[in-house]
């Protein structure tokens, strides 16, 4: 192992400042990624779309690129300057978001969403690897919990500010731009600021040796593949199990706003502000509470605490998703959405830390990229479309989207529960591996 350095001891302001800036970048990525969810009805009217075709913009257009570029950018995170990789990623996905607002056809919008997904694939492998090198293992869940507030801050702010911007744009003339186009362009602007913060205030840390490493040399791809195969019981079950939970993370924000508008007649701007606030508060509270719960379990002797919390989360999400199908009012459905945000965010920081802890440093970027690949295929790539297909082709009634959402989320959480139980056993074995 490497000689202990400052990053092995108590992290200073520089390390925590890096986490704050990375969290801003992560937040921005989810704003740019999810603001489209609030624009469902304007986009359907503009391009005469079915729920299924619209879901391809929410999921497939973004995810195909995310999947294709994740291994490439993950390998770059293992072999090149991670900070510079992030700067380029932020600038490119912000440009692609602005191009969404300039789209004049369905396929132009599809291509722009593809660009957003390709550039955002740089974020997770680089950010997680940077944090793993600036924080000791026992502090990694806490640092990652701050970073992983980003999806919930971003998802909430996308709806809050998307709703505010829609309301602002509705009464104004932007020439050739429709209100939905103005929203896309407006949310792309902060990317310039975040890229500047990365350039001026984040440094590239030295890489530390990780579990099973005796050298800091670049790990050949053949060795990366060999380690994945040797420890497949952990990696396969972990990736697939977390994918089951991530389905709910994407399905709720993608379709709960539509359910609230269709089933209860709510206004888009009202839903954006109210549900967005609950996602922001509930998701952030959940991701910060997860490490506290993990620490409580560890103090009681549970070495597998990082993977016990995901099991609890899967059970809670399955119960909440089932109850959504029977929600009698707007208020109850909205509350279920907010509580679900808390529950499905609980395990995210701890699970990310577990992956970093049992993975050698020089393949952490690839391990994180495969994680992104897996949860994107299973979660973002399928969640919006599964819900839409059930609505369009099983119920044949867009007013039944809430039942489709409940069914999709409950089943996926239960499948995730079984797979994560298997991953927990393999995780403990890896901790005991010399």
Protein backbone atom coordinates (compact mmCIF):
# COMPACT_ATOMS: atom_id res chain seq x y z
CA UNK A 1 0.00 0.00 0.00
CA UNK A 2 1.04 3.62 -0.48
CA UNK A 3 2.59 5.73 2.24
CA UNK A 4 -0.08 7.64 4.16
CA UNK A 5 -0.53 11.16 2.92
CA UNK A 6 -2.67 14.10 3.84
CA UNK A 7 -5.54 12.59 1.88
CA UNK A 8 -5.32 9.49 4.14
CA UNK A 9 -5.84 11.70 7.18
CA UNK A 10 -8.42 14.37 7.97
CA UNK A 11 -9.36 16.05 4.66
CA UNK A 12 -8.93 19.82 4.59
CA UNK A 13 -10.92 22.66 3.07
CA UNK A 14 -9.49 21.93 -0.37
CA UNK A 15 -10.93 18.43 -0.40
CA UNK A 16 -14.36 19.57 0.81
CA UNK A 17 -14.31 22.52 -1.59
CA UNK A 18 -13.71 20.04 -4.42
CA UNK A 19 -16.74 18.03 -3.24
CA UNK A 20 -18.92 21.15 -3.24
CA UNK A 21 -17.90 22.05 -6.81
CA UNK A 22 -18.38 18.46 -7.99
CA UNK A 23 -21.81 18.52 -6.36
CA UNK A 24 -22.67 21.70 -8.29
CA UNK A 25 -21.63 19.95 -11.50
CA UNK A 26 -23.69 16.87 -10.61
CA UNK A 27 -26.68 19.06 -9.76
CA UNK A 28 -26.38 20.88 -13.06
CA UNK A 29 -26.17 17.59 -14.96
CA UNK A 30 -29.52 16.48 -13.53
CA UNK A 31 -31.14 19.84 -14.20
CA UNK A 32 -30.11 19.57 -17.85
CA UNK A 33 -31.09 15.89 -17.93
CA UNK A 34 -34.50 16.09 -16.24
CA UNK A 35 -35.95 19.48 -17.14
CA UNK A 36 -37.51 17.72 -20.13
CA UNK A 37 -39.80 15.83 -17.71
CA UNK A 38 -41.68 19.04 -16.94
CA UNK A 39 -42.01 19.83 -20.65
CA UNK A 40 -43.91 16.64 -21.48
CA UNK A 41 -47.17 18.32 -22.49
CA UNK A 42 -45.62 21.21 -24.53
CA UNK A 43 -43.41 18.76 -26.40
CA UNK A 44 -46.30 16.39 -27.11
CA UNK A 45 -48.26 19.31 -28.57
CA UNK A 46 -45.29 20.73 -30.52
CA UNK A 47 -44.29 17.47 -32.22
CA UNK A 48 -47.57 15.48 -31.98
CA UNK A 49 -46.01 12.72 -29.86
CA UNK A 50 -47.38 9.64 -28.13
CA UNK A 51 -46.18 8.83 -24.61
CA UNK A 52 -43.93 6.14 -26.03
CA UNK A 53 -42.17 8.44 -28.53
CA UNK A 54 -41.78 11.07 -25.84
CA UNK A 55 -40.31 8.50 -23.45
CA UNK A 56 -37.57 7.83 -26.01
CA UNK A 57 -36.47 11.44 -25.55
CA UNK A 58 -36.53 11.01 -21.77
CA UNK A 59 -34.71 7.69 -21.82
CA UNK A 60 -33.27 6.15 -24.98
CA UNK A 61 -31.88 9.27 -26.66
CA UNK A 62 -29.91 10.15 -23.54
CA UNK A 63 -29.08 6.61 -22.47
CA UNK A 64 -27.76 5.28 -25.78
CA UNK A 65 -25.07 7.95 -25.72
CA UNK A 66 -24.48 7.56 -21.98
CA UNK A 67 -23.93 3.83 -22.46
CA UNK A 68 -21.73 4.20 -25.54
CA UNK A 69 -19.42 6.80 -24.01
CA UNK A 70 -19.27 5.58 -20.38
CA UNK A 71 -16.57 2.89 -20.94
CA UNK A 72 -14.49 5.29 -23.06
CA UNK A 73 -14.67 8.14 -20.58
CA UNK A 74 -14.32 5.75 -17.64
CA UNK A 75 -11.03 4.49 -19.08
CA UNK A 76 -9.94 8.12 -19.58
CA UNK A 77 -10.70 8.76 -15.90
CA UNK A 78 -8.28 5.94 -15.02
CA UNK A 79 -5.50 7.09 -17.35
CA UNK A 80 -5.71 10.89 -17.76
CA UNK A 81 -6.38 14.16 -15.92
CA UNK A 82 -9.81 13.77 -14.33
CA UNK A 83 -10.40 17.47 -13.66
CA UNK A 84 -9.84 18.41 -17.31
CA UNK A 85 -12.13 15.58 -18.37
CA UNK A 86 -14.86 17.08 -16.19
CA UNK A 87 -14.39 20.59 -17.54
CA UNK A 88 -14.82 19.37 -21.11
CA UNK A 89 -17.85 17.32 -20.13
CA UNK A 90 -19.65 20.22 -18.43
CA UNK A 91 -19.09 22.55 -21.39
CA UNK A 92 -20.27 19.99 -23.93
CA UNK A 93 -23.45 18.91 -22.14
CA UNK A 94 -24.40 22.55 -21.54
CA UNK A 95 -24.01 23.24 -25.27
CA UNK A 96 -26.13 20.19 -26.09
CA UNK A 97 -28.86 21.33 -23.67
CA UNK A 98 -28.99 24.70 -25.41
CA UNK A 99 -29.30 22.86 -28.74
CA UNK A 100 -32.37 21.07 -27.34
CA UNK A 101 -33.95 24.51 -27.15
CA UNK A 102 -33.08 25.25 -30.78
CA UNK A 103 -34.56 21.99 -32.11
CA UNK A 104 -37.10 22.34 -34.91
CA UNK A 105 -38.01 18.67 -35.23
CA UNK A 106 -38.32 15.54 -33.14
CA UNK A 107 -35.11 14.07 -34.51
CA UNK A 108 -33.14 17.27 -33.93
CA UNK A 109 -34.26 17.15 -30.31
CA UNK A 110 -33.36 13.45 -30.17
CA UNK A 111 -29.84 14.23 -31.46
CA UNK A 112 -29.36 17.05 -28.94
CA UNK A 113 -30.44 14.75 -26.09
CA UNK A 114 -27.89 12.24 -27.41
CA UNK A 115 -25.23 14.93 -27.01
CA UNK A 116 -26.29 15.63 -23.43
CA UNK A 117 -25.96 11.94 -22.58
CA UNK A 118 -22.56 11.52 -24.23
CA UNK A 119 -21.01 14.45 -22.36
CA UNK A 120 -22.57 13.61 -18.99
CA UNK A 121 -20.96 10.17 -19.12
CA UNK A 122 -17.72 11.87 -18.06
CA UNK A 123 -19.02 12.92 -14.65
CA UNK A 124 -19.49 9.86 -12.45
CA UNK A 125 -16.22 7.96 -13.12
CA UNK A 126 -14.09 11.10 -12.80
CA UNK A 127 -15.86 12.54 -9.75
CA UNK A 128 -15.98 9.28 -7.79
CA UNK A 129 -12.31 8.58 -8.53
CA UNK A 130 -11.30 12.10 -7.41
CA UNK A 131 -13.15 11.69 -4.11
CA UNK A 132 -11.64 8.25 -3.50
CA UNK A 133 -8.17 9.80 -3.78
CA UNK A 134 -8.90 12.78 -1.51
CA UNK A 135 -10.72 10.97 1.34
CA UNK A 136 -9.84 7.94 3.51
CA UNK A 137 -12.23 4.96 3.28
CA UNK A 138 -14.07 5.70 6.53
CA UNK A 139 -14.96 9.21 5.29
CA UNK A 140 -15.83 8.22 1.74
CA UNK A 141 -19.57 7.64 2.38
CA UNK A 142 -19.89 11.09 3.93
CA UNK A 143 -18.13 12.80 1.03
CA UNK A 144 -20.10 10.81 -1.54
CA UNK A 145 -23.35 11.61 0.27
CA UNK A 146 -22.70 15.30 -0.36
CA UNK A 147 -21.87 14.63 -4.01
CA UNK A 148 -24.92 12.42 -4.43
CA UNK A 149 -27.21 15.20 -3.31
CA UNK A 150 -26.70 16.36 -6.89
CA UNK A 151 -29.36 14.16 -8.54
CA UNK A 152 -31.98 15.23 -6.02
CA UNK A 153 -31.02 18.87 -5.98
CA UNK A 154 -30.88 18.79 -9.77
CA UNK A 155 -34.10 16.83 -10.19
CA UNK A 156 -35.91 19.14 -7.80
CA UNK A 157 -34.46 22.35 -9.22
CA UNK A 158 -35.22 21.17 -12.76
CA UNK A 159 -38.91 21.10 -11.88
CA UNK A 160 -38.90 24.15 -9.60
CA UNK A 161 -37.04 26.47 -11.94
CA UNK A 162 -38.50 24.78 -14.99
CA UNK A 163 -41.95 25.62 -13.61
CA UNK A 164 -40.91 29.19 -12.78
CA UNK A 165 -39.32 29.66 -16.21
CA UNK A 166 -42.38 28.22 -17.96
CA UNK A 167 -44.65 30.59 -16.05
CA UNK A 168 -42.33 33.51 -16.82
CA UNK A 169 -42.09 32.64 -20.51
CA UNK A 170 -45.82 32.07 -20.95
CA UNK A 171 -46.61 35.78 -20.82
CA UNK A 172 -43.71 37.01 -22.92
CA UNK A 173 -42.69 37.09 -26.56
CA UNK A 174 -39.33 35.49 -27.35
CA UNK A 175 -39.69 35.82 -31.09
CA UNK A 176 -39.16 32.47 -32.80
CA UNK A 177 -38.63 30.67 -29.48
CA UNK A 178 -41.53 28.87 -27.82
CA UNK A 179 -41.61 28.88 -23.98
CA UNK A 180 -40.30 25.31 -23.80
CA UNK A 181 -37.33 26.29 -25.98
CA UNK A 182 -36.56 29.25 -23.72
CA UNK A 183 -36.47 26.90 -20.71
CA UNK A 184 -33.86 24.61 -22.32
CA UNK A 185 -31.60 27.53 -23.26
CA UNK A 186 -31.92 29.20 -19.85
CA UNK A 187 -30.92 26.09 -17.88
CA UNK A 188 -27.84 25.58 -20.09
CA UNK A 189 -26.22 28.89 -19.09
CA UNK A 190 -24.93 27.93 -15.58
CA UNK A 191 -22.64 25.33 -17.14
CA UNK A 192 -20.16 28.04 -18.03
CA UNK A 193 -19.88 29.04 -14.37
CA UNK A 194 -19.41 25.48 -13.13
CA UNK A 195 -16.70 24.80 -15.74
CA UNK A 196 -14.84 27.92 -14.54
CA UNK A 197 -15.06 26.78 -10.91
CA UNK A 198 -13.58 23.41 -11.85
CA UNK A 199 -10.75 25.09 -13.76
CA UNK A 200 -9.76 27.54 -11.01
CA UNK A 201 -10.46 25.70 -7.74
CA UNK A 202 -10.07 21.94 -8.30
CA UNK A 203 -6.68 20.26 -8.56
CA UNK A 204 -5.83 16.78 -9.79
CA UNK A 205 -4.80 14.68 -6.74
CA UNK A 206 -2.19 11.94 -6.66
CA UNK A 207 -3.63 8.48 -7.12
CA UNK A 208 -3.53 6.18 -4.07
CA UNK A 209 -3.19 2.42 -4.20
CA UNK A 210 -6.42 0.54 -3.60
CA UNK A 211 -7.52 -2.95 -2.58
CA UNK A 212 -5.30 -5.62 -4.13
CA UNK A 213 -2.89 -3.16 -5.78
CA UNK A 214 0.89 -3.29 -5.36
CA UNK A 215 1.76 -0.77 -8.05
CA UNK A 216 0.44 2.59 -9.20
CA UNK A 217 1.09 1.75 -12.86
CA UNK A 218 -1.82 1.86 -15.29
CA UNK A 219 -3.76 -1.39 -15.09
CA UNK A 220 -4.00 -3.16 -18.48
CA UNK A 221 -7.52 -3.72 -19.76
CA UNK A 222 -6.88 -7.48 -19.69
CA UNK A 223 -6.27 -7.28 -15.94
CA UNK A 224 -9.36 -5.11 -15.45
CA UNK A 225 -11.43 -7.75 -17.24
CA UNK A 226 -9.85 -10.55 -15.23
CA UNK A 227 -10.73 -8.87 -11.92
CA UNK A 228 -14.31 -8.31 -13.04
CA UNK A 229 -14.65 -11.98 -13.99
CA UNK A 230 -13.04 -13.24 -10.79
CA UNK A 231 -15.36 -11.18 -8.60
CA UNK A 232 -18.46 -11.45 -10.81
CA UNK A 233 -20.77 -12.46 -7.95
CA UNK A 234 -20.32 -9.07 -6.36
CA UNK A 235 -20.18 -6.90 -9.48
CA UNK A 236 -23.06 -8.54 -11.37
CA UNK A 237 -25.46 -8.60 -8.43
CA UNK A 238 -24.44 -5.14 -7.27
CA UNK A 239 -24.85 -3.52 -10.68
CA UNK A 240 -28.13 -5.27 -11.49
CA UNK A 241 -29.56 -4.80 -8.00
CA UNK A 242 -28.80 -1.09 -7.89
CA UNK A 243 -30.27 -0.88 -11.38
CA UNK A 244 -33.55 -2.14 -9.96
CA UNK A 245 -33.56 0.69 -7.42
CA UNK A 246 -32.51 3.26 -10.01
CA UNK A 247 -35.56 2.39 -12.11
CA UNK A 248 -37.67 3.95 -9.37
CA UNK A 249 -35.34 6.96 -9.16
CA UNK A 250 -36.01 7.74 -12.83
CA UNK A 251 -39.57 6.48 -13.15
CA UNK A 252 -41.02 8.68 -10.41
CA UNK A 253 -39.66 12.04 -11.69
CA UNK A 254 -40.39 11.05 -15.29
CA UNK A 255 -44.09 10.20 -14.82
CA UNK A 256 -45.40 11.36 -11.45
CA UNK A 257 -45.77 14.95 -12.74
CA UNK A 258 -47.83 13.61 -15.66
CA UNK A 259 -49.94 11.53 -13.26
CA UNK A 260 -50.65 14.56 -11.07
CA UNK A 261 -51.62 16.64 -14.09
CA UNK A 262 -53.73 14.00 -15.85
CA UNK A 263 -55.40 12.31 -12.90
CA UNK A 264 -55.97 15.33 -10.67
CA UNK A 265 -55.98 18.22 -13.16
CA UNK A 266 -52.99 20.02 -11.64
CA UNK A 267 -51.18 22.83 -13.49
CA UNK A 268 -47.66 22.08 -14.80
CA UNK A 269 -46.04 25.04 -13.04
CA UNK A 270 -47.70 24.11 -9.72
CA UNK A 271 -46.60 20.49 -10.02
CA UNK A 272 -43.08 21.60 -10.91
CA UNK A 273 -42.71 23.79 -7.85
CA UNK A 274 -44.43 21.47 -5.36
CA UNK A 275 -43.10 18.09 -6.48
CA UNK A 276 -39.73 19.63 -7.32
CA UNK A 277 -39.44 20.95 -3.76
CA UNK A 278 -40.25 17.52 -2.33
CA UNK A 279 -37.69 15.83 -4.60
CA UNK A 280 -35.06 18.37 -3.59
CA UNK A 281 -35.77 18.11 0.15
CA UNK A 282 -36.61 14.41 0.33
CA UNK A 283 -33.83 13.23 -1.95
CA UNK A 284 -31.18 15.38 -0.29
CA UNK A 285 -32.31 14.31 3.18
CA UNK A 286 -32.23 10.67 2.13
CA UNK A 287 -28.76 10.74 0.64
CA UNK A 288 -27.40 12.53 3.74
CA UNK A 289 -29.24 10.21 6.13
CA UNK A 290 -27.89 7.07 4.45
CA UNK A 291 -24.32 7.42 5.83
CA UNK A 292 -25.68 8.16 9.31
CA UNK A 293 -27.71 4.93 9.19
CA UNK A 294 -24.66 3.09 7.83
CA UNK A 295 -22.52 4.42 10.68
CA UNK A 296 -25.12 3.34 13.24
CA UNK A 297 -25.09 -0.18 11.80
CA UNK A 298 -21.29 -0.30 11.70
CA UNK A 299 -21.08 0.68 15.37
CA UNK A 300 -23.23 -2.35 16.07
CA UNK A 301 -20.78 -4.64 14.31
CA UNK A 302 -22.29 -4.80 10.80
CA UNK A 303 -19.32 -4.82 8.41
CA UNK A 304 -21.84 -5.15 5.58
CA UNK A 305 -23.67 -1.95 6.59
CA UNK A 306 -22.97 -0.26 3.25
CA UNK A 307 -25.11 -2.92 1.55
CA UNK A 308 -27.69 -3.40 4.31
CA UNK A 309 -29.14 0.07 3.69
CA UNK A 310 -29.92 -0.69 0.01
CA UNK A 311 -31.92 -3.74 1.13
CA UNK A 312 -33.99 -1.58 3.49
CA UNK A 313 -34.49 0.99 0.74
CA UNK A 314 -35.78 -1.62 -1.71
CA UNK A 315 -38.42 -2.81 0.76
CA UNK A 316 -39.62 0.73 1.53
CA UNK A 317 -39.79 1.73 -2.13
CA UNK A 318 -41.81 -1.38 -3.04
CA UNK A 319 -44.38 -0.53 -0.35
CA UNK A 320 -44.61 3.13 -1.40
CA UNK A 321 -44.89 2.30 -5.10
CA UNK A 322 -47.73 -0.11 -4.42
CA UNK A 323 -49.59 2.50 -2.36
CA UNK A 324 -49.33 5.02 -5.24
CA UNK A 325 -51.76 2.94 -7.31
CA UNK A 326 -54.44 3.57 -4.69
CA UNK A 327 -53.72 7.24 -3.99
CA UNK A 328 -57.14 8.92 -3.53
CA UNK A 329 -56.06 12.54 -3.98
CA UNK A 330 -53.44 14.89 -5.37
CA UNK A 331 -52.06 15.53 -1.87
CA UNK A 332 -51.62 11.85 -1.07
CA UNK A 333 -49.95 11.08 -4.42
CA UNK A 334 -47.65 14.09 -4.01
CA UNK A 335 -46.70 12.98 -0.48
CA UNK A 336 -45.94 9.45 -1.70
CA UNK A 337 -43.65 10.92 -4.35
CA UNK A 338 -41.80 12.99 -1.76
CA UNK A 339 -41.35 10.07 0.68
CA UNK A 340 -40.23 7.82 -2.18
CA UNK A 341 -37.54 10.40 -3.04
CA UNK A 342 -36.18 10.01 0.50
CA UNK A 343 -36.29 6.22 0.42
CA UNK A 344 -34.70 5.55 -2.95
CA UNK A 345 -31.91 8.03 -2.20
CA UNK A 346 -30.98 6.42 1.17
CA UNK A 347 -28.52 3.83 -0.20
CA UNK A 348 -26.86 5.77 -3.01
CA UNK A 349 -23.83 7.19 -1.14
CA UNK A 350 -23.09 3.99 0.76
CA UNK A 351 -23.43 1.80 -2.32
CA UNK A 352 -21.07 4.08 -4.26
CA UNK A 353 -18.56 3.94 -1.40
CA UNK A 354 -18.79 0.14 -1.24
CA UNK A 355 -17.94 -0.08 -4.93
CA UNK A 356 -14.91 2.21 -4.50
CA UNK A 357 -13.66 0.39 -1.39
CA UNK A 358 -13.52 -3.10 -2.93
CA UNK A 359 -12.22 -1.91 -6.33
CA UNK A 360 -8.51 -1.22 -7.03
CA UNK A 361 -7.71 2.43 -7.74
CA UNK A 362 -6.56 1.96 -11.31
CA UNK A 363 -9.85 0.35 -12.33
CA UNK A 364 -12.21 2.55 -10.29
CA UNK A 365 -13.02 4.67 -13.31
CA UNK A 366 -13.98 1.57 -15.28
CA UNK A 367 -15.91 0.08 -12.35
CA UNK A 368 -17.81 3.35 -11.98
CA UNK A 369 -18.37 3.52 -15.74
CA UNK A 370 -19.78 -0.02 -15.76
CA UNK A 371 -22.01 0.99 -12.86
CA UNK A 372 -23.21 4.00 -14.87
CA UNK A 373 -23.64 1.72 -17.89
CA UNK A 374 -25.67 -0.83 -15.92
CA UNK A 375 -27.95 1.57 -14.09
CA UNK A 376 -28.42 3.60 -17.25
CA UNK A 377 -29.47 0.58 -19.31
CA UNK A 378 -31.68 -0.78 -16.54
CA UNK A 379 -32.79 2.50 -14.98
CA UNK A 380 -32.79 5.56 -17.21
CA UNK A 381 -32.93 3.57 -20.44
CA UNK A 382 -35.94 1.47 -19.53
CA UNK A 383 -37.86 3.17 -16.72
CA UNK A 384 -39.65 5.93 -18.67
CA UNK A 385 -40.38 3.63 -21.61
CA UNK A 386 -41.65 0.68 -19.54
CA UNK A 387 -44.14 2.97 -17.81
CA UNK A 388 -45.20 4.45 -21.16
CA UNK A 389 -45.56 1.05 -22.85
CA UNK A 390 -47.79 -0.23 -20.05
CA UNK A 391 -49.89 2.93 -20.28
CA UNK A 392 -50.16 2.89 -24.10
CA UNK A 393 -50.38 -0.84 -24.82
CA UNK A 394 -51.76 -2.51 -21.69
CA UNK A 395 -54.20 0.04 -20.29
CA UNK A 396 -54.71 2.03 -23.55
CA UNK A 397 -55.48 5.03 -21.35
CA UNK A 398 -53.04 7.84 -20.54
CA UNK A 399 -55.04 8.51 -17.38
CA UNK A 400 -53.73 5.19 -16.01
CA UNK A 401 -50.11 6.37 -15.97
CA UNK A 402 -50.11 6.34 -12.15
CA UNK A 403 -50.91 2.61 -12.05
CA UNK A 404 -48.23 1.95 -14.68
CA UNK A 405 -45.72 3.88 -12.58
CA UNK A 406 -46.68 1.99 -9.42
CA UNK A 407 -46.42 -1.42 -11.09
CA UNK A 408 -43.06 -0.70 -12.71
CA UNK A 409 -41.50 0.69 -9.53
CA UNK A 410 -42.78 -2.00 -7.14
CA UNK A 411 -41.62 -4.91 -9.29
CA UNK A 412 -38.20 -3.39 -10.00
CA UNK A 413 -37.60 -2.68 -6.28
CA UNK A 414 -38.38 -6.29 -5.35
CA UNK A 415 -36.07 -7.65 -8.06
CA UNK A 416 -33.37 -5.30 -6.79
CA UNK A 417 -33.89 -6.60 -3.26
CA UNK A 418 -33.08 -10.19 -4.28
CA UNK A 419 -29.99 -9.23 -6.30
CA UNK A 420 -28.60 -6.90 -3.62
CA UNK A 421 -28.96 -9.65 -1.01
CA UNK A 422 -26.61 -11.76 -3.17
CA UNK A 423 -24.22 -8.81 -3.63
CA UNK A 424 -24.02 -8.30 0.14
CA UNK A 425 -22.64 -11.81 0.69
CA UNK A 426 -19.99 -11.37 -2.02
CA UNK A 427 -19.06 -7.93 -0.64
CA UNK A 428 -18.19 -9.38 2.78
CA UNK A 429 -16.01 -12.02 1.09
CA UNK A 430 -14.12 -9.30 -0.81
CA UNK A 431 -13.50 -7.36 2.40
CA UNK A 432 -11.82 -10.48 3.78
CA UNK A 433 -9.64 -10.93 0.66
CA UNK A 434 -5.97 -10.01 1.25
